[in-house]
Amino acid sequence: MARKSIGRSAAAEITRGSGNVFADLGMADAEERQTKLRLAYALNVVIDRARLSQAAAAARLGINQPKVSALRNYKLEGFSVERLMTLLNALDQDVEIVIRKKPRSRAAARISVVAA
């Protein structure tokens, strides 16, 4: 059996991401999607740490189990940023919003979620 050598026909191009995959993909609502994703991640961390079943999480959050399933699977179309923050409050999590001037070194202002 003959061996085939695998050559590089084209140089691989690596592009550094911006930190927001939705912006990198050119989505118009990238900041909102990223914010919702990070809030949902924080919700899932709290649910995991509390070892809540979906039914127990639904009872604590005041939503039905299919909505908890959507959150657990990051299907966030039916959730606003405000609603996700309210759900975090329902799990005894404080949500703090800090507004500050962007640094001159950055071209555009941004929205970020930082979980403590």
N, C-alpha and C. Protein backbone atom coordinates (compact mmCIF):
# COMPACT_ATOMS: atom_id res chain seq x y z
N MET A 1 0.85 -1.17 0.00
CA MET A 1 0.00 0.00 0.00
C MET A 1 0.89 1.23 0.00
N ALA A 2 0.62 2.13 -0.89
CA ALA A 2 1.42 3.34 -1.03
C ALA A 2 1.03 4.36 0.03
N ARG A 3 2.01 5.04 0.54
CA ARG A 3 1.75 6.09 1.52
C ARG A 3 1.52 7.40 0.80
N LYS A 4 0.56 8.11 1.26
CA LYS A 4 0.29 9.43 0.71
C LYS A 4 0.84 10.46 1.67
N SER A 5 1.54 11.40 1.14
CA SER A 5 2.00 12.46 2.03
C SER A 5 0.95 13.56 2.03
N ILE A 6 0.72 14.03 3.20
CA ILE A 6 -0.27 15.09 3.36
C ILE A 6 0.48 16.42 3.36
N GLY A 7 0.31 17.16 2.33
CA GLY A 7 0.98 18.45 2.22
C GLY A 7 0.04 19.57 2.59
N ARG A 8 0.61 20.70 2.75
CA ARG A 8 -0.20 21.88 3.05
C ARG A 8 -0.43 22.62 1.75
N SER A 9 -1.62 22.50 1.24
CA SER A 9 -1.93 23.16 -0.02
C SER A 9 -2.21 24.65 0.18
N ALA A 10 -2.67 24.98 1.32
CA ALA A 10 -2.95 26.39 1.63
C ALA A 10 -2.56 26.64 3.08
N ALA A 11 -1.96 27.76 3.32
CA ALA A 11 -1.56 28.11 4.69
C ALA A 11 -2.81 28.36 5.52
N ALA A 12 -2.82 27.81 6.71
CA ALA A 12 -3.94 28.03 7.61
C ALA A 12 -3.90 29.46 8.12
N GLU A 13 -5.05 30.10 8.08
CA GLU A 13 -5.12 31.48 8.55
C GLU A 13 -5.83 31.49 9.89
N ILE A 14 -5.20 32.08 10.86
CA ILE A 14 -5.76 32.16 12.20
C ILE A 14 -6.10 33.62 12.48
N THR A 15 -7.34 33.84 12.89
CA THR A 15 -7.78 35.18 13.21
C THR A 15 -8.16 35.22 14.68
N ARG A 16 -7.60 36.17 15.40
CA ARG A 16 -7.93 36.32 16.82
C ARG A 16 -9.36 36.84 16.94
N GLY A 17 -10.13 36.19 17.80
CA GLY A 17 -11.51 36.59 18.02
C GLY A 17 -11.60 37.84 18.89
N SER A 18 -12.76 38.44 18.87
CA SER A 18 -12.99 39.67 19.64
C SER A 18 -13.37 39.38 21.09
N GLY A 19 -13.68 38.12 21.38
CA GLY A 19 -14.21 37.77 22.70
C GLY A 19 -15.73 37.61 22.66
N ASN A 20 -16.33 37.99 21.55
CA ASN A 20 -17.77 37.83 21.35
C ASN A 20 -17.97 37.09 20.03
N VAL A 21 -18.24 35.80 20.13
CA VAL A 21 -18.38 34.98 18.92
C VAL A 21 -19.51 35.48 18.03
N PHE A 22 -20.56 36.05 18.63
CA PHE A 22 -21.68 36.55 17.84
C PHE A 22 -21.25 37.76 16.99
N ALA A 23 -20.41 38.62 17.55
CA ALA A 23 -19.88 39.75 16.78
C ALA A 23 -18.95 39.25 15.69
N ASP A 24 -18.13 38.25 16.03
CA ASP A 24 -17.21 37.69 15.05
C ASP A 24 -17.96 37.08 13.87
N LEU A 25 -19.18 36.59 14.11
CA LEU A 25 -20.00 36.02 13.05
C LEU A 25 -20.83 37.08 12.33
N GLY A 26 -20.71 38.35 12.77
CA GLY A 26 -21.39 39.46 12.10
C GLY A 26 -22.86 39.61 12.44
N MET A 27 -23.29 39.06 13.56
CA MET A 27 -24.70 39.17 13.94
C MET A 27 -25.01 40.57 14.46
N ALA A 28 -26.14 41.10 14.04
CA ALA A 28 -26.53 42.48 14.39
C ALA A 28 -26.74 42.66 15.89
N ASP A 29 -27.27 41.66 16.55
CA ASP A 29 -27.59 41.76 17.98
C ASP A 29 -26.56 41.03 18.84
N ALA A 30 -25.31 41.13 18.45
CA ALA A 30 -24.23 40.37 19.09
C ALA A 30 -24.08 40.68 20.58
N GLU A 31 -24.15 41.92 20.96
CA GLU A 31 -23.97 42.29 22.37
C GLU A 31 -25.08 41.69 23.23
N GLU A 32 -26.31 41.77 22.75
CA GLU A 32 -27.43 41.21 23.50
C GLU A 32 -27.31 39.69 23.61
N ARG A 33 -26.95 39.03 22.53
CA ARG A 33 -26.79 37.57 22.55
C ARG A 33 -25.70 37.15 23.54
N GLN A 34 -24.59 37.86 23.51
CA GLN A 34 -23.48 37.54 24.42
C GLN A 34 -23.90 37.76 25.88
N THR A 35 -24.61 38.84 26.13
CA THR A 35 -25.08 39.14 27.49
C THR A 35 -26.03 38.06 27.97
N LYS A 36 -26.98 37.67 27.12
CA LYS A 36 -27.92 36.62 27.50
C LYS A 36 -27.20 35.30 27.75
N LEU A 37 -26.23 34.99 26.92
CA LEU A 37 -25.48 33.75 27.09
C LEU A 37 -24.75 33.72 28.43
N ARG A 38 -24.11 34.81 28.77
CA ARG A 38 -23.37 34.85 30.04
C ARG A 38 -24.30 34.81 31.25
N LEU A 39 -25.45 35.46 31.15
CA LEU A 39 -26.42 35.39 32.25
C LEU A 39 -26.97 33.97 32.39
N ALA A 40 -27.26 33.32 31.27
CA ALA A 40 -27.75 31.94 31.31
C ALA A 40 -26.68 31.01 31.88
N TYR A 41 -25.43 31.27 31.52
CA TYR A 41 -24.34 30.46 32.08
C TYR A 41 -24.31 30.61 33.61
N ALA A 42 -24.43 31.84 34.09
CA ALA A 42 -24.45 32.07 35.54
C ALA A 42 -25.62 31.34 36.18
N LEU A 43 -26.79 31.38 35.55
CA LEU A 43 -27.95 30.65 36.07
C LEU A 43 -27.66 29.15 36.15
N ASN A 44 -27.07 28.61 35.10
CA ASN A 44 -26.77 27.18 35.08
C ASN A 44 -25.74 26.79 36.14
N VAL A 45 -24.78 27.66 36.39
CA VAL A 45 -23.80 27.39 37.44
C VAL A 45 -24.49 27.33 38.80
N VAL A 46 -25.38 28.27 39.07
CA VAL A 46 -26.10 28.29 40.35
C VAL A 46 -26.98 27.04 40.48
N ILE A 47 -27.67 26.67 39.43
CA ILE A 47 -28.52 25.48 39.45
C ILE A 47 -27.68 24.22 39.71
N ASP A 48 -26.53 24.15 39.04
CA ASP A 48 -25.63 23.00 39.24
C ASP A 48 -25.11 22.94 40.67
N ARG A 49 -24.66 24.08 41.18
CA ARG A 49 -24.10 24.11 42.54
C ARG A 49 -25.14 23.74 43.59
N ALA A 50 -26.40 24.12 43.34
CA ALA A 50 -27.47 23.80 44.27
C ALA A 50 -28.01 22.38 44.04
N ARG A 51 -27.51 21.73 43.00
CA ARG A 51 -27.92 20.37 42.64
C ARG A 51 -29.43 20.26 42.48
N LEU A 52 -29.99 21.27 41.79
CA LEU A 52 -31.44 21.30 41.58
C LEU A 52 -31.81 20.51 40.33
N SER A 53 -32.86 19.72 40.44
CA SER A 53 -33.43 19.08 39.26
C SER A 53 -34.12 20.18 38.44
N GLN A 54 -34.48 19.86 37.21
CA GLN A 54 -35.20 20.86 36.42
C GLN A 54 -36.53 21.21 37.06
N ALA A 55 -37.19 20.22 37.64
CA ALA A 55 -38.48 20.49 38.30
C ALA A 55 -38.28 21.40 39.51
N ALA A 56 -37.25 21.12 40.31
CA ALA A 56 -36.99 21.95 41.49
C ALA A 56 -36.57 23.36 41.07
N ALA A 57 -35.75 23.46 40.03
CA ALA A 57 -35.34 24.78 39.54
C ALA A 57 -36.56 25.55 39.04
N ALA A 58 -37.45 24.87 38.33
CA ALA A 58 -38.66 25.51 37.82
C ALA A 58 -39.49 26.07 38.96
N ALA A 59 -39.63 25.30 40.04
CA ALA A 59 -40.41 25.76 41.20
C ALA A 59 -39.76 27.00 41.82
N ARG A 60 -38.44 27.00 41.96
CA ARG A 60 -37.75 28.15 42.55
C ARG A 60 -37.80 29.37 41.64
N LEU A 61 -37.75 29.14 40.34
CA LEU A 61 -37.72 30.25 39.38
C LEU A 61 -39.11 30.77 39.02
N GLY A 62 -40.14 29.99 39.33
CA GLY A 62 -41.49 30.39 38.98
C GLY A 62 -41.80 30.25 37.50
N ILE A 63 -41.14 29.30 36.85
CA ILE A 63 -41.39 29.02 35.43
C ILE A 63 -41.63 27.52 35.29
N ASN A 64 -42.06 27.09 34.11
CA ASN A 64 -42.30 25.66 33.94
C ASN A 64 -41.01 24.92 33.55
N GLN A 65 -41.06 23.61 33.68
CA GLN A 65 -39.88 22.78 33.43
C GLN A 65 -39.37 22.90 31.99
N PRO A 66 -40.24 22.96 30.97
CA PRO A 66 -39.70 23.12 29.61
C PRO A 66 -38.87 24.40 29.44
N LYS A 67 -39.23 25.46 30.17
CA LYS A 67 -38.43 26.70 30.09
C LYS A 67 -37.08 26.50 30.77
N VAL A 68 -37.05 25.74 31.87
CA VAL A 68 -35.78 25.42 32.51
C VAL A 68 -34.93 24.60 31.55
N SER A 69 -35.54 23.66 30.86
CA SER A 69 -34.82 22.86 29.87
C SER A 69 -34.22 23.75 28.79
N ALA A 70 -34.98 24.72 28.33
CA ALA A 70 -34.46 25.66 27.33
C ALA A 70 -33.26 26.42 27.87
N LEU A 71 -33.35 26.89 29.12
CA LEU A 71 -32.22 27.58 29.75
C LEU A 71 -31.00 26.67 29.85
N ARG A 72 -31.22 25.43 30.27
CA ARG A 72 -30.12 24.48 30.46
C ARG A 72 -29.43 24.17 29.13
N ASN A 73 -30.18 24.30 28.04
CA ASN A 73 -29.63 24.03 26.71
C ASN A 73 -29.30 25.31 25.94
N TYR A 74 -29.31 26.45 26.65
CA TYR A 74 -28.96 27.75 26.08
C TYR A 74 -29.81 28.13 24.87
N LYS A 75 -31.07 27.73 24.91
CA LYS A 75 -32.03 28.16 23.89
C LYS A 75 -32.74 29.37 24.47
N LEU A 76 -32.22 30.54 24.18
CA LEU A 76 -32.58 31.75 24.92
C LEU A 76 -33.49 32.70 24.15
N GLU A 77 -34.07 32.25 23.06
CA GLU A 77 -34.90 33.13 22.24
C GLU A 77 -36.06 33.75 23.02
N GLY A 78 -36.65 33.02 23.96
CA GLY A 78 -37.81 33.53 24.70
C GLY A 78 -37.47 34.26 25.98
N PHE A 79 -36.18 34.55 26.19
CA PHE A 79 -35.76 35.19 27.44
C PHE A 79 -35.09 36.53 27.13
N SER A 80 -35.54 37.56 27.83
CA SER A 80 -34.89 38.87 27.70
C SER A 80 -33.74 38.94 28.72
N VAL A 81 -32.88 39.90 28.56
CA VAL A 81 -31.80 40.14 29.52
C VAL A 81 -32.41 40.42 30.89
N GLU A 82 -33.46 41.24 30.92
CA GLU A 82 -34.11 41.58 32.19
C GLU A 82 -34.69 40.34 32.87
N ARG A 83 -35.31 39.48 32.10
CA ARG A 83 -35.90 38.27 32.68
C ARG A 83 -34.81 37.35 33.24
N LEU A 84 -33.71 37.21 32.54
CA LEU A 84 -32.61 36.38 33.04
C LEU A 84 -32.06 36.93 34.35
N MET A 85 -31.98 38.26 34.46
CA MET A 85 -31.51 38.86 35.71
C MET A 85 -32.51 38.59 36.83
N THR A 86 -33.80 38.67 36.53
CA THR A 86 -34.84 38.38 37.53
C THR A 86 -34.76 36.93 37.98
N LEU A 87 -34.48 36.02 37.06
CA LEU A 87 -34.33 34.60 37.42
C LEU A 87 -33.13 34.39 38.34
N LEU A 88 -32.06 35.12 38.09
CA LEU A 88 -30.90 35.04 38.99
C LEU A 88 -31.29 35.52 40.39
N ASN A 89 -32.06 36.59 40.47
CA ASN A 89 -32.55 37.07 41.77
C ASN A 89 -33.38 36.00 42.48
N ALA A 90 -34.19 35.26 41.71
CA ALA A 90 -35.02 34.21 42.30
C ALA A 90 -34.18 33.09 42.91
N LEU A 91 -32.93 32.98 42.46
CA LEU A 91 -32.01 31.99 43.03
C LEU A 91 -31.06 32.64 44.05
N ASP A 92 -31.51 33.76 44.62
CA ASP A 92 -30.76 34.48 45.66
C ASP A 92 -29.42 35.02 45.19
N GLN A 93 -29.37 35.42 43.93
CA GLN A 93 -28.15 36.01 43.39
C GLN A 93 -28.37 37.50 43.17
N ASP A 94 -27.47 38.32 43.68
CA ASP A 94 -27.51 39.75 43.39
C ASP A 94 -27.00 39.96 41.97
N VAL A 95 -27.59 40.91 41.27
CA VAL A 95 -27.12 41.31 39.94
C VAL A 95 -26.79 42.78 40.04
N GLU A 96 -25.57 43.12 39.73
CA GLU A 96 -25.10 44.50 39.84
C GLU A 96 -24.73 45.01 38.45
N ILE A 97 -25.22 46.18 38.11
CA ILE A 97 -24.91 46.80 36.83
C ILE A 97 -24.00 47.99 37.10
N VAL A 98 -22.85 48.00 36.46
CA VAL A 98 -21.87 49.07 36.64
C VAL A 98 -21.71 49.78 35.30
N ILE A 99 -21.82 51.09 35.32
CA ILE A 99 -21.66 51.88 34.10
C ILE A 99 -20.42 52.75 34.27
N ARG A 100 -19.53 52.68 33.28
CA ARG A 100 -18.30 53.49 33.33
C ARG A 100 -17.88 53.86 31.91
N LYS A 101 -17.09 54.91 31.84
CA LYS A 101 -16.57 55.37 30.56
C LYS A 101 -15.61 54.32 30.01
N LYS A 102 -15.69 54.07 28.71
CA LYS A 102 -14.79 53.09 28.09
C LYS A 102 -13.37 53.66 28.04
N PRO A 103 -12.38 52.79 28.09
CA PRO A 103 -11.00 53.28 27.98
C PRO A 103 -10.72 53.81 26.57
N ARG A 104 -9.85 54.77 26.47
CA ARG A 104 -9.50 55.34 25.17
C ARG A 104 -8.85 54.30 24.26
N SER A 105 -8.24 53.30 24.85
CA SER A 105 -7.54 52.29 24.07
C SER A 105 -8.49 51.36 23.31
N ARG A 106 -9.77 51.36 23.66
CA ARG A 106 -10.75 50.50 23.00
C ARG A 106 -11.59 51.34 22.06
N ALA A 107 -11.83 50.85 20.84
CA ALA A 107 -12.56 51.61 19.83
C ALA A 107 -14.03 51.81 20.18
N ALA A 108 -14.68 50.77 20.70
CA ALA A 108 -16.12 50.85 20.94
C ALA A 108 -16.45 50.47 22.38
N ALA A 109 -17.52 51.04 22.87
CA ALA A 109 -18.03 50.66 24.19
C ALA A 109 -18.62 49.26 24.08
N ARG A 110 -18.75 48.57 25.21
CA ARG A 110 -19.28 47.20 25.18
C ARG A 110 -20.12 46.92 26.42
N ILE A 111 -20.84 45.84 26.34
CA ILE A 111 -21.61 45.33 27.46
C ILE A 111 -20.92 44.05 27.90
N SER A 112 -20.73 43.88 29.21
CA SER A 112 -20.11 42.65 29.68
C SER A 112 -20.80 42.17 30.94
N VAL A 113 -20.75 40.87 31.14
CA VAL A 113 -21.30 40.23 32.33
C VAL A 113 -20.14 39.53 33.01
N VAL A 114 -19.94 39.83 34.28
CA VAL A 114 -18.87 39.22 35.05
C VAL A 114 -19.50 38.56 36.27
N ALA A 115 -19.34 37.26 36.38
CA ALA A 115 -19.87 36.54 37.55
C ALA A 115 -18.79 36.45 38.60
N ALA A 116 -19.16 36.75 39.83
CA ALA A 116 -18.19 36.70 40.93
C ALA A 116 -18.11 35.32 41.51
